[in-house]
Amino acid sequence: AAALFGSKIIDTHGELKRGLLGRMVFNDPQKLSQLNELLHPAIWKRT
């Protein structure tokens, strides 16, 4: 995700800045689609 959207989405402790990533992707349908393609298969596999 950091490679796709930039290292700015990770804070100094190595944790995801969820609010920032949310604002980025929900303001850009293409970015939202990219994030979904990355995460959804992994989420459902684990689920």
ModelCIF file with pLDDT and N, C-alpha, C, O atoms, coordinates in Angstrom:
data_MODEL
#
_entry.id   MODEL 
#
_entity.id                         1 
_entity.type                       polymer 
_entity.pdbx_number_of_molecules   1 
#
_entity_poly.entity_id                      1 
_entity_poly.type                           'polypeptide(L)' 
_entity_poly.nstd_linkage                   no 
_entity_poly.nstd_monomer                   no 
_entity_poly.pdbx_seq_one_letter_code       AAALFGSKIIDTHGELKRGLLGRMVFNDPQKLSQLNELLHPAIWKRT 
_entity_poly.pdbx_seq_one_letter_code_can   AAALFGSKIIDTHGELKRGLLGRMVFNDPQKLSQLNELLHPAIWKRT 
_entity_poly.pdbx_strand_id                 A 
#
loop_
_entity_poly_seq.entity_id 
_entity_poly_seq.num 
_entity_poly_seq.mon_id 
_entity_poly_seq.hetero 
1 1  ALA n 
1 2  ALA n 
1 3  ALA n 
1 4  LEU n 
1 5  PHE n 
1 6  GLY n 
1 7  SER n 
1 8  LYS n 
1 9  ILE n 
1 10 ILE n 
1 11 ASP n 
1 12 THR n 
1 13 HIS n 
1 14 GLY n 
1 15 GLU n 
1 16 LEU n 
1 17 LYS n 
1 18 ARG n 
1 19 GLY n 
1 20 LEU n 
1 21 LEU n 
1 22 GLY n 
1 23 ARG n 
1 24 MET n 
1 25 VAL n 
1 26 PHE n 
1 27 ASN n 
1 28 ASP n 
1 29 PRO n 
1 30 GLN n 
1 31 LYS n 
1 32 LEU n 
1 33 SER n 
1 34 GLN n 
1 35 LEU n 
1 36 ASN n 
1 37 GLU n 
1 38 LEU n 
1 39 LEU n 
1 40 HIS n 
1 41 PRO n 
1 42 ALA n 
1 43 ILE n 
1 44 TRP n 
1 45 LYS n 
1 46 ARG n 
1 47 THR n 
#
_struct_asym.id          A 
_struct_asym.entity_id   1 
#
loop_
_ma_qa_metric.id 
_ma_qa_metric.mode 
_ma_qa_metric.name 
_ma_qa_metric.software_group_id 
_ma_qa_metric.type 
1 global pLDDT . pLDDT 
2 local  pLDDT . pLDDT 
#
_ma_qa_metric_global.metric_id      1 
_ma_qa_metric_global.metric_value   93.23 
_ma_qa_metric_global.model_id       1 
_ma_qa_metric_global.ordinal_id     1 
#
loop_
_ma_qa_metric_local.label_asym_id 
_ma_qa_metric_local.label_comp_id 
_ma_qa_metric_local.label_seq_id 
_ma_qa_metric_local.metric_id 
_ma_qa_metric_local.metric_value 
_ma_qa_metric_local.model_id 
_ma_qa_metric_local.ordinal_id 
A ALA 1  2 95.00 1 1  
A ALA 2  2 95.00 1 2  
A ALA 3  2 95.00 1 3  
A LEU 4  2 93.00 1 4  
A PHE 5  2 94.00 1 5  
A GLY 6  2 94.00 1 6  
A SER 7  2 94.00 1 7  
A LYS 8  2 96.00 1 8  
A ILE 9  2 96.00 1 9  
A ILE 10 2 96.00 1 10 
A ASP 11 2 95.00 1 11 
A THR 12 2 94.00 1 12 
A HIS 13 2 95.00 1 13 
A GLY 14 2 95.00 1 14 
A GLU 15 2 96.00 1 15 
A LEU 16 2 96.00 1 16 
A LYS 17 2 95.00 1 17 
A ARG 18 2 93.00 1 18 
A GLY 19 2 90.00 1 19 
A LEU 20 2 93.00 1 20 
A LEU 21 2 94.00 1 21 
A GLY 22 2 89.00 1 22 
A ARG 23 2 88.00 1 23 
A MET 24 2 91.00 1 24 
A VAL 25 2 90.00 1 25 
A PHE 26 2 86.00 1 26 
A ASN 27 2 82.00 1 27 
A ASP 28 2 88.00 1 28 
A PRO 29 2 87.00 1 29 
A GLN 30 2 92.00 1 30 
A LYS 31 2 93.00 1 31 
A LEU 32 2 91.00 1 32 
A SER 33 2 93.00 1 33 
A GLN 34 2 94.00 1 34 
A LEU 35 2 94.00 1 35 
A ASN 36 2 93.00 1 36 
A GLU 37 2 95.00 1 37 
A LEU 38 2 95.00 1 38 
A LEU 39 2 94.00 1 39 
A HIS 40 2 95.00 1 40 
A PRO 41 2 95.00 1 41 
A ALA 42 2 95.00 1 42 
A ILE 43 2 96.00 1 43 
A TRP 44 2 95.00 1 44 
A LYS 45 2 95.00 1 45 
A ARG 46 2 96.00 1 46 
A THR 47 2 96.00 1 47 
#
loop_
_atom_site.group_PDB 
_atom_site.id 
_atom_site.type_symbol 
_atom_site.label_atom_id 
_atom_site.label_alt_id 
_atom_site.label_comp_id 
_atom_site.label_asym_id 
_atom_site.label_entity_id 
_atom_site.label_seq_id 
_atom_site.pdbx_PDB_ins_code 
_atom_site.Cartn_x 
_atom_site.Cartn_y 
_atom_site.Cartn_z 
_atom_site.occupancy 
_atom_site.B_iso_or_equiv 
_atom_site.pdbx_formal_charge 
_atom_site.auth_seq_id 
_atom_site.auth_comp_id 
_atom_site.auth_asym_id 
_atom_site.auth_atom_id 
_atom_site.pdbx_PDB_model_num 
ATOM 1   N N  . ALA A 1 1  ? 0.832   -1.203  0.000  1.00 95.00 ? 1  ALA A N  1 
ATOM 2   C CA . ALA A 1 1  ? 0.000   0.000   0.000  1.00 95.00 ? 1  ALA A CA 1 
ATOM 3   C C  . ALA A 1 1  ? 0.866   1.252   0.000  1.00 95.00 ? 1  ALA A C  1 
ATOM 4   O O  . ALA A 1 1  ? 0.553   2.231   -0.679 1.00 95.00 ? 1  ALA A O  1 
ATOM 5   N N  . ALA A 1 2  ? 1.951   1.219   0.760  1.00 95.00 ? 2  ALA A N  1 
ATOM 6   C CA . ALA A 1 2  ? 2.866   2.367   0.799  1.00 95.00 ? 2  ALA A CA 1 
ATOM 7   C C  . ALA A 1 2  ? 3.527   2.575   -0.562 1.00 95.00 ? 2  ALA A C  1 
ATOM 8   O O  . ALA A 1 2  ? 3.776   3.707   -0.975 1.00 95.00 ? 2  ALA A O  1 
ATOM 9   N N  . ALA A 1 3  ? 3.808   1.465   -1.254 1.00 95.00 ? 3  ALA A N  1 
ATOM 10  C CA . ALA A 1 3  ? 4.387   1.583   -2.592 1.00 95.00 ? 3  ALA A CA 1 
ATOM 11  C C  . ALA A 1 3  ? 3.392   2.209   -3.569 1.00 95.00 ? 3  ALA A C  1 
ATOM 12  O O  . ALA A 1 3  ? 3.784   2.944   -4.476 1.00 95.00 ? 3  ALA A O  1 
ATOM 13  N N  . LEU A 1 4  ? 2.115   1.918   -3.383 1.00 93.00 ? 4  LEU A N  1 
ATOM 14  C CA . LEU A 1 4  ? 1.074   2.454   -4.266 1.00 93.00 ? 4  LEU A CA 1 
ATOM 15  C C  . LEU A 1 4  ? 0.742   3.907   -3.962 1.00 93.00 ? 4  LEU A C  1 
ATOM 16  O O  . LEU A 1 4  ? 0.588   4.723   -4.871 1.00 93.00 ? 4  LEU A O  1 
ATOM 17  N N  . PHE A 1 5  ? 0.633   4.225   -2.663 1.00 94.00 ? 5  PHE A N  1 
ATOM 18  C CA . PHE A 1 5  ? 0.085   5.516   -2.268 1.00 94.00 ? 5  PHE A CA 1 
ATOM 19  C C  . PHE A 1 5  ? 1.093   6.449   -1.592 1.00 94.00 ? 5  PHE A C  1 
ATOM 20  O O  . PHE A 1 5  ? 0.763   7.587   -1.259 1.00 94.00 ? 5  PHE A O  1 
ATOM 21  N N  . GLY A 1 6  ? 2.305   5.971   -1.394 1.00 94.00 ? 6  GLY A N  1 
ATOM 22  C CA . GLY A 1 6  ? 3.338   6.812   -0.805 1.00 94.00 ? 6  GLY A CA 1 
ATOM 23  C C  . GLY A 1 6  ? 3.601   6.482   0.654  1.00 94.00 ? 6  GLY A C  1 
ATOM 24  O O  . GLY A 1 6  ? 2.698   6.059   1.375  1.00 94.00 ? 6  GLY A O  1 
ATOM 25  N N  . SER A 1 7  ? 4.834   6.674   1.084  1.00 94.00 ? 7  SER A N  1 
ATOM 26  C CA . SER A 1 7  ? 5.232   6.344   2.453  1.00 94.00 ? 7  SER A CA 1 
ATOM 27  C C  . SER A 1 7  ? 4.549   7.224   3.486  1.00 94.00 ? 7  SER A C  1 
ATOM 28  O O  . SER A 1 7  ? 4.574   6.921   4.679  1.00 94.00 ? 7  SER A O  1 
ATOM 29  N N  . LYS A 1 8  ? 3.937   8.318   3.031  1.00 96.00 ? 8  LYS A N  1 
ATOM 30  C CA . LYS A 1 8  ? 3.248   9.229   3.961  1.00 96.00 ? 8  LYS A CA 1 
ATOM 31  C C  . LYS A 1 8  ? 2.072   8.564   4.667  1.00 96.00 ? 8  LYS A C  1 
ATOM 32  O O  . LYS A 1 8  ? 1.596   9.080   5.678  1.00 96.00 ? 8  LYS A O  1 
ATOM 33  N N  . ILE A 1 9  ? 1.588   7.421   4.154  1.00 96.00 ? 9  ILE A N  1 
ATOM 34  C CA . ILE A 1 9  ? 0.451   6.751   4.801  1.00 96.00 ? 9  ILE A CA 1 
ATOM 35  C C  . ILE A 1 9  ? 0.899   5.958   6.033  1.00 96.00 ? 9  ILE A C  1 
ATOM 36  O O  . ILE A 1 9  ? 0.060   5.411   6.748  1.00 96.00 ? 9  ILE A O  1 
ATOM 37  N N  . ILE A 1 10 ? 2.195   5.888   6.286  1.00 96.00 ? 10 ILE A N  1 
ATOM 38  C CA . ILE A 1 10 ? 2.723   5.181   7.460  1.00 96.00 ? 10 ILE A CA 1 
ATOM 39  C C  . ILE A 1 10 ? 3.328   6.194   8.418  1.00 96.00 ? 10 ILE A C  1 
ATOM 40  O O  . ILE A 1 10 ? 4.099   7.062   8.009  1.00 96.00 ? 10 ILE A O  1 
ATOM 41  N N  . ASP A 1 11 ? 2.972   6.080   9.711  1.00 95.00 ? 11 ASP A N  1 
ATOM 42  C CA . ASP A 1 11 ? 3.483   7.039   10.691 1.00 95.00 ? 11 ASP A CA 1 
ATOM 43  C C  . ASP A 1 11 ? 4.886   6.658   11.168 1.00 95.00 ? 11 ASP A C  1 
ATOM 44  O O  . ASP A 1 11 ? 5.452   5.664   10.713 1.00 95.00 ? 11 ASP A O  1 
ATOM 45  N N  . THR A 1 12 ? 5.433   7.437   12.071 1.00 94.00 ? 12 THR A N  1 
ATOM 46  C CA . THR A 1 12 ? 6.814   7.224   12.518 1.00 94.00 ? 12 THR A CA 1 
ATOM 47  C C  . THR A 1 12 ? 6.994   5.935   13.315 1.00 94.00 ? 12 THR A C  1 
ATOM 48  O O  . THR A 1 12 ? 8.119   5.484   13.529 1.00 94.00 ? 12 THR A O  1 
ATOM 49  N N  . HIS A 1 13 ? 5.886   5.348   13.750 1.00 95.00 ? 13 HIS A N  1 
ATOM 50  C CA . HIS A 1 13 ? 5.938   4.072   14.477 1.00 95.00 ? 13 HIS A CA 1 
ATOM 51  C C  . HIS A 1 13 ? 5.707   2.871   13.559 1.00 95.00 ? 13 HIS A C  1 
ATOM 52  O O  . HIS A 1 13 ? 5.654   1.731   14.020 1.00 95.00 ? 13 HIS A O  1 
ATOM 53  N N  . GLY A 1 14 ? 5.572   3.135   12.268 1.00 95.00 ? 14 GLY A N  1 
ATOM 54  C CA . GLY A 1 14 ? 5.355   2.057   11.321 1.00 95.00 ? 14 GLY A CA 1 
ATOM 55  C C  . GLY A 1 14 ? 3.912   1.613   11.181 1.00 95.00 ? 14 GLY A C  1 
ATOM 56  O O  . GLY A 1 14 ? 3.629   0.585   10.565 1.00 95.00 ? 14 GLY A O  1 
ATOM 57  N N  . GLU A 1 15 ? 2.992   2.392   11.757 1.00 96.00 ? 15 GLU A N  1 
ATOM 58  C CA . GLU A 1 15 ? 1.573   2.048   11.708 1.00 96.00 ? 15 GLU A CA 1 
ATOM 59  C C  . GLU A 1 15 ? 0.871   2.818   10.584 1.00 96.00 ? 15 GLU A C  1 
ATOM 60  O O  . GLU A 1 15 ? 1.287   3.914   10.210 1.00 96.00 ? 15 GLU A O  1 
ATOM 61  N N  . LEU A 1 16 ? -0.188  2.226   10.061 1.00 96.00 ? 16 LEU A N  1 
ATOM 62  C CA . LEU A 1 16 ? -0.962  2.858   9.005  1.00 96.00 ? 16 LEU A CA 1 
ATOM 63  C C  . LEU A 1 16 ? -1.708  4.089   9.520  1.00 96.00 ? 16 LEU A C  1 
ATOM 64  O O  . LEU A 1 16 ? -2.332  4.043   10.580 1.00 96.00 ? 16 LEU A O  1 
ATOM 65  N N  . LYS A 1 17 ? -1.643  5.171   8.777  1.00 95.00 ? 17 LYS A N  1 
ATOM 66  C CA . LYS A 1 17 ? -2.473  6.342   9.037  1.00 95.00 ? 17 LYS A CA 1 
ATOM 67  C C  . LYS A 1 17 ? -3.816  6.123   8.332  1.00 95.00 ? 17 LYS A C  1 
ATOM 68  O O  . LYS A 1 17 ? -3.992  6.521   7.181  1.00 95.00 ? 17 LYS A O  1 
ATOM 69  N N  . ARG A 1 18 ? -4.742  5.498   9.022  1.00 93.00 ? 18 ARG A N  1 
ATOM 70  C CA . ARG A 1 18 ? -5.995  5.087   8.395  1.00 93.00 ? 18 ARG A CA 1 
ATOM 71  C C  . ARG A 1 18 ? -6.809  6.274   7.880  1.00 93.00 ? 18 ARG A C  1 
ATOM 72  O O  . ARG A 1 18 ? -7.391  6.221   6.797  1.00 93.00 ? 18 ARG A O  1 
ATOM 73  N N  . GLY A 1 19 ? -6.840  7.326   8.662  1.00 90.00 ? 19 GLY A N  1 
ATOM 74  C CA . GLY A 1 19 ? -7.609  8.488   8.241  1.00 90.00 ? 19 GLY A CA 1 
ATOM 75  C C  . GLY A 1 19 ? -7.076  9.087   6.953  1.00 90.00 ? 19 GLY A C  1 
ATOM 76  O O  . GLY A 1 19 ? -7.844  9.450   6.063  1.00 90.00 ? 19 GLY A O  1 
ATOM 77  N N  . LEU A 1 20 ? -5.758  9.189   6.859  1.00 93.00 ? 20 LEU A N  1 
ATOM 78  C CA . LEU A 1 20 ? -5.146  9.758   5.656  1.00 93.00 ? 20 LEU A CA 1 
ATOM 79  C C  . LEU A 1 20 ? -5.415  8.870   4.445  1.00 93.00 ? 20 LEU A C  1 
ATOM 80  O O  . LEU A 1 20 ? -5.807  9.364   3.388  1.00 93.00 ? 20 LEU A O  1 
ATOM 81  N N  . LEU A 1 21 ? -5.207  7.573   4.594  1.00 94.00 ? 21 LEU A N  1 
ATOM 82  C CA . LEU A 1 21 ? -5.445  6.669   3.472  1.00 94.00 ? 21 LEU A CA 1 
ATOM 83  C C  . LEU A 1 21 ? -6.913  6.706   3.054  1.00 94.00 ? 21 LEU A C  1 
ATOM 84  O O  . LEU A 1 21 ? -7.223  6.696   1.863  1.00 94.00 ? 21 LEU A O  1 
ATOM 85  N N  . GLY A 1 22 ? -7.814  6.747   4.032  1.00 89.00 ? 22 GLY A N  1 
ATOM 86  C CA . GLY A 1 22 ? -9.241  6.823   3.715  1.00 89.00 ? 22 GLY A CA 1 
ATOM 87  C C  . GLY A 1 22 ? -9.580  8.057   2.906  1.00 89.00 ? 22 GLY A C  1 
ATOM 88  O O  . GLY A 1 22 ? -10.322 7.976   1.927  1.00 89.00 ? 22 GLY A O  1 
ATOM 89  N N  . ARG A 1 23 ? -9.042  9.201   3.305  1.00 88.00 ? 23 ARG A N  1 
ATOM 90  C CA . ARG A 1 23 ? -9.314  10.437  2.562  1.00 88.00 ? 23 ARG A CA 1 
ATOM 91  C C  . ARG A 1 23 ? -8.754  10.352  1.145  1.00 88.00 ? 23 ARG A C  1 
ATOM 92  O O  . ARG A 1 23 ? -9.376  10.837  0.200  1.00 88.00 ? 23 ARG A O  1 
ATOM 93  N N  . MET A 1 24 ? -7.590  9.742   0.997  1.00 91.00 ? 24 MET A N  1 
ATOM 94  C CA . MET A 1 24 ? -6.975  9.621   -0.326 1.00 91.00 ? 24 MET A CA 1 
ATOM 95  C C  . MET A 1 24 ? -7.823  8.778   -1.263 1.00 91.00 ? 24 MET A C  1 
ATOM 96  O O  . MET A 1 24 ? -8.087  9.176   -2.398 1.00 91.00 ? 24 MET A O  1 
ATOM 97  N N  . VAL A 1 25 ? -8.251  7.613   -0.788 1.00 90.00 ? 25 VAL A N  1 
ATOM 98  C CA . VAL A 1 25 ? -8.918  6.686   -1.707 1.00 90.00 ? 25 VAL A CA 1 
ATOM 99  C C  . VAL A 1 25 ? -10.386 7.041   -1.931 1.00 90.00 ? 25 VAL A C  1 
ATOM 100 O O  . VAL A 1 25 ? -10.911 6.809   -3.021 1.00 90.00 ? 25 VAL A O  1 
ATOM 101 N N  . PHE A 1 26 ? -11.057 7.596   -0.926 1.00 86.00 ? 26 PHE A N  1 
ATOM 102 C CA . PHE A 1 26 ? -12.467 7.912   -1.122 1.00 86.00 ? 26 PHE A CA 1 
ATOM 103 C C  . PHE A 1 26 ? -12.666 9.198   -1.919 1.00 86.00 ? 26 PHE A C  1 
ATOM 104 O O  . PHE A 1 26 ? -13.787 9.527   -2.306 1.00 86.00 ? 26 PHE A O  1 
ATOM 105 N N  . ASN A 1 27 ? -11.587 9.915   -2.160 1.00 82.00 ? 27 ASN A N  1 
ATOM 106 C CA . ASN A 1 27 ? -11.655 11.071  -3.034 1.00 82.00 ? 27 ASN A CA 1 
ATOM 107 C C  . ASN A 1 27 ? -11.206 10.746  -4.454 1.00 82.00 ? 27 ASN A C  1 
ATOM 108 O O  . ASN A 1 27 ? -11.183 11.626  -5.314 1.00 82.00 ? 27 ASN A O  1 
ATOM 109 N N  . ASP A 1 28 ? -10.850 9.487   -4.705 1.00 88.00 ? 28 ASP A N  1 
ATOM 110 C CA . ASP A 1 28 ? -10.324 9.078   -6.005 1.00 88.00 ? 28 ASP A CA 1 
ATOM 111 C C  . ASP A 1 28 ? -10.760 7.643   -6.287 1.00 88.00 ? 28 ASP A C  1 
ATOM 112 O O  . ASP A 1 28 ? -10.170 6.713   -5.738 1.00 88.00 ? 28 ASP A O  1 
ATOM 113 N N  . PRO A 1 29 ? -11.771 7.436   -7.123 1.00 87.00 ? 29 PRO A N  1 
ATOM 114 C CA . PRO A 1 29 ? -12.265 6.081   -7.396 1.00 87.00 ? 29 PRO A CA 1 
ATOM 115 C C  . PRO A 1 29 ? -11.195 5.125   -7.896 1.00 87.00 ? 29 PRO A C  1 
ATOM 116 O O  . PRO A 1 29 ? -11.236 3.935   -7.584 1.00 87.00 ? 29 PRO A O  1 
ATOM 117 N N  . GLN A 1 30 ? -10.239 5.627   -8.669 1.00 92.00 ? 30 GLN A N  1 
ATOM 118 C CA . GLN A 1 30 ? -9.174  4.753   -9.177 1.00 92.00 ? 30 GLN A CA 1 
ATOM 119 C C  . GLN A 1 30 ? -8.305  4.246   -8.032 1.00 92.00 ? 30 GLN A C  1 
ATOM 120 O O  . GLN A 1 30 ? -7.935  3.072   -8.000 1.00 92.00 ? 30 GLN A O  1 
ATOM 121 N N  . LYS A 1 31 ? -7.980  5.128   -7.094 1.00 93.00 ? 31 LYS A N  1 
ATOM 122 C CA . LYS A 1 31 ? -7.176  4.707   -5.947 1.00 93.00 ? 31 LYS A CA 1 
ATOM 123 C C  . LYS A 1 31 ? -7.949  3.748   -5.052 1.00 93.00 ? 31 LYS A C  1 
ATOM 124 O O  . LYS A 1 31 ? -7.376  2.803   -4.509 1.00 93.00 ? 31 LYS A O  1 
ATOM 125 N N  . LEU A 1 32 ? -9.244  3.988   -4.899 1.00 91.00 ? 32 LEU A N  1 
ATOM 126 C CA . LEU A 1 32 ? -10.068 3.079   -4.106 1.00 91.00 ? 32 LEU A CA 1 
ATOM 127 C C  . LEU A 1 32 ? -10.069 1.692   -4.738 1.00 91.00 ? 32 LEU A C  1 
ATOM 128 O O  . LEU A 1 32 ? -9.959  0.686   -4.037 1.00 91.00 ? 32 LEU A O  1 
ATOM 129 N N  . SER A 1 33 ? -10.194 1.641   -6.057 1.00 93.00 ? 33 SER A N  1 
ATOM 130 C CA . SER A 1 33 ? -10.167 0.365   -6.762 1.00 93.00 ? 33 SER A CA 1 
ATOM 131 C C  . SER A 1 33 ? -8.827  -0.334  -6.576 1.00 93.00 ? 33 SER A C  1 
ATOM 132 O O  . SER A 1 33 ? -8.786  -1.549  -6.383 1.00 93.00 ? 33 SER A O  1 
ATOM 133 N N  . GLN A 1 34 ? -7.739  0.413   -6.632 1.00 94.00 ? 34 GLN A N  1 
ATOM 134 C CA . GLN A 1 34 ? -6.403  -0.165  -6.430 1.00 94.00 ? 34 GLN A CA 1 
ATOM 135 C C  . GLN A 1 34 ? -6.265  -0.765  -5.033 1.00 94.00 ? 34 GLN A C  1 
ATOM 136 O O  . GLN A 1 34 ? -5.731  -1.861  -4.864 1.00 94.00 ? 34 GLN A O  1 
ATOM 137 N N  . LEU A 1 35 ? -6.750  -0.037  -4.046 1.00 94.00 ? 35 LEU A N  1 
ATOM 138 C CA . LEU A 1 35 ? -6.661  -0.529  -2.672 1.00 94.00 ? 35 LEU A CA 1 
ATOM 139 C C  . LEU A 1 35 ? -7.503  -1.787  -2.488 1.00 94.00 ? 35 LEU A C  1 
ATOM 140 O O  . LEU A 1 35 ? -7.071  -2.749  -1.854 1.00 94.00 ? 35 LEU A O  1 
ATOM 141 N N  . ASN A 1 36 ? -8.700  -1.767  -3.047 1.00 93.00 ? 36 ASN A N  1 
ATOM 142 C CA . ASN A 1 36 ? -9.572  -2.933  -2.942 1.00 93.00 ? 36 ASN A CA 1 
ATOM 143 C C  . ASN A 1 36 ? -8.944  -4.166  -3.602 1.00 93.00 ? 36 ASN A C  1 
ATOM 144 O O  . ASN A 1 36 ? -8.998  -5.267  -3.053 1.00 93.00 ? 36 ASN A O  1 
ATOM 145 N N  . GLU A 1 37 ? -8.360  -3.973  -4.760 1.00 95.00 ? 37 GLU A N  1 
ATOM 146 C CA . GLU A 1 37 ? -7.714  -5.087  -5.462 1.00 95.00 ? 37 GLU A CA 1 
ATOM 147 C C  . GLU A 1 37 ? -6.555  -5.655  -4.656 1.00 95.00 ? 37 GLU A C  1 
ATOM 148 O O  . GLU A 1 37 ? -6.288  -6.856  -4.706 1.00 95.00 ? 37 GLU A O  1 
ATOM 149 N N  . LEU A 1 38 ? -5.878  -4.805  -3.924 1.00 95.00 ? 38 LEU A N  1 
ATOM 150 C CA . LEU A 1 38 ? -4.762  -5.247  -3.094 1.00 95.00 ? 38 LEU A CA 1 
ATOM 151 C C  . LEU A 1 38 ? -5.243  -6.007  -1.858 1.00 95.00 ? 38 LEU A C  1 
ATOM 152 O O  . LEU A 1 38 ? -4.713  -7.068  -1.528 1.00 95.00 ? 38 LEU A O  1 
ATOM 153 N N  . LEU A 1 39 ? -6.243  -5.462  -1.187 1.00 94.00 ? 39 LEU A N  1 
ATOM 154 C CA . LEU A 1 39 ? -6.593  -5.971  0.142  1.00 94.00 ? 39 LEU A CA 1 
ATOM 155 C C  . LEU A 1 39 ? -7.693  -7.032  0.171  1.00 94.00 ? 39 LEU A C  1 
ATOM 156 O O  . LEU A 1 39 ? -7.623  -7.963  0.973  1.00 94.00 ? 39 LEU A O  1 
ATOM 157 N N  . HIS A 1 40 ? -8.690  -6.910  -0.674 1.00 95.00 ? 40 HIS A N  1 
ATOM 158 C CA . HIS A 1 40 ? -9.851  -7.795  -0.541 1.00 95.00 ? 40 HIS A CA 1 
ATOM 159 C C  . HIS A 1 40 ? -9.527  -9.282  -0.640 1.00 95.00 ? 40 HIS A C  1 
ATOM 160 O O  . HIS A 1 40 ? -10.061 -10.058 0.153  1.00 95.00 ? 40 HIS A O  1 
ATOM 161 N N  . PRO A 1 41 ? -8.678  -9.722  -1.577 1.00 95.00 ? 41 PRO A N  1 
ATOM 162 C CA . PRO A 1 41 ? -8.366  -11.160 -1.595 1.00 95.00 ? 41 PRO A CA 1 
ATOM 163 C C  . PRO A 1 41 ? -7.744  -11.636 -0.289 1.00 95.00 ? 41 PRO A C  1 
ATOM 164 O O  . PRO A 1 41 ? -8.071  -12.720 0.196  1.00 95.00 ? 41 PRO A O  1 
ATOM 165 N N  . ALA A 1 42 ? -6.853  -10.838 0.281  1.00 95.00 ? 42 ALA A N  1 
ATOM 166 C CA . ALA A 1 42 ? -6.197  -11.222 1.541  1.00 95.00 ? 42 ALA A CA 1 
ATOM 167 C C  . ALA A 1 42 ? -7.183  -11.212 2.705  1.00 95.00 ? 42 ALA A C  1 
ATOM 168 O O  . ALA A 1 42 ? -7.146  -12.090 3.567  1.00 95.00 ? 42 ALA A O  1 
ATOM 169 N N  . ILE A 1 43 ? -8.060  -10.219 2.724  1.00 96.00 ? 43 ILE A N  1 
ATOM 170 C CA . ILE A 1 43 ? -9.044  -10.127 3.804  1.00 96.00 ? 43 ILE A CA 1 
ATOM 171 C C  . ILE A 1 43 ? -9.983  -11.328 3.784  1.00 96.00 ? 43 ILE A C  1 
ATOM 172 O O  . ILE A 1 43 ? -10.240 -11.935 4.823  1.00 96.00 ? 43 ILE A O  1 
ATOM 173 N N  . TRP A 1 44 ? -10.495 -11.674 2.599  1.00 95.00 ? 44 TRP A N  1 
ATOM 174 C CA . TRP A 1 44 ? -11.440 -12.790 2.533  1.00 95.00 ? 44 TRP A CA 1 
ATOM 175 C C  . TRP A 1 44 ? -10.762 -14.132 2.769  1.00 95.00 ? 44 TRP A C  1 
ATOM 176 O O  . TRP A 1 44 ? -11.359 -15.036 3.354  1.00 95.00 ? 44 TRP A O  1 
ATOM 177 N N  . LYS A 1 45 ? -9.526  -14.266 2.320  1.00 95.00 ? 45 LYS A N  1 
ATOM 178 C CA . LYS A 1 45 ? -8.800  -15.513 2.588  1.00 95.00 ? 45 LYS A CA 1 
ATOM 179 C C  . LYS A 1 45 ? -8.654  -15.732 4.092  1.00 95.00 ? 45 LYS A C  1 
ATOM 180 O O  . LYS A 1 45 ? -8.900  -16.831 4.590  1.00 95.00 ? 45 LYS A O  1 
ATOM 181 N N  . ARG A 1 46 ? -8.257  -14.697 4.804  1.00 96.00 ? 46 ARG A N  1 
ATOM 182 C CA . ARG A 1 46 ? -8.091  -14.792 6.254  1.00 96.00 ? 46 ARG A CA 1 
ATOM 183 C C  . ARG A 1 46 ? -9.441  -14.970 6.941  1.00 96.00 ? 46 ARG A C  1 
ATOM 184 O O  . ARG A 1 46 ? -9.558  -15.739 7.894  1.00 96.00 ? 46 ARG A O  1 
ATOM 185 N N  . THR A 1 47 ? -10.458 -14.261 6.460  1.00 96.00 ? 47 THR A N  1 
ATOM 186 C CA . THR A 1 47 ? -11.793 -14.382 7.045  1.00 96.00 ? 47 THR A CA 1 
ATOM 187 C C  . THR A 1 47 ? -12.289 -15.821 6.970  1.00 96.00 ? 47 THR A C  1 
ATOM 188 O O  . THR A 1 47 ? -13.398 -16.116 7.415  1.00 96.00 ? 47 THR A O  1 
#
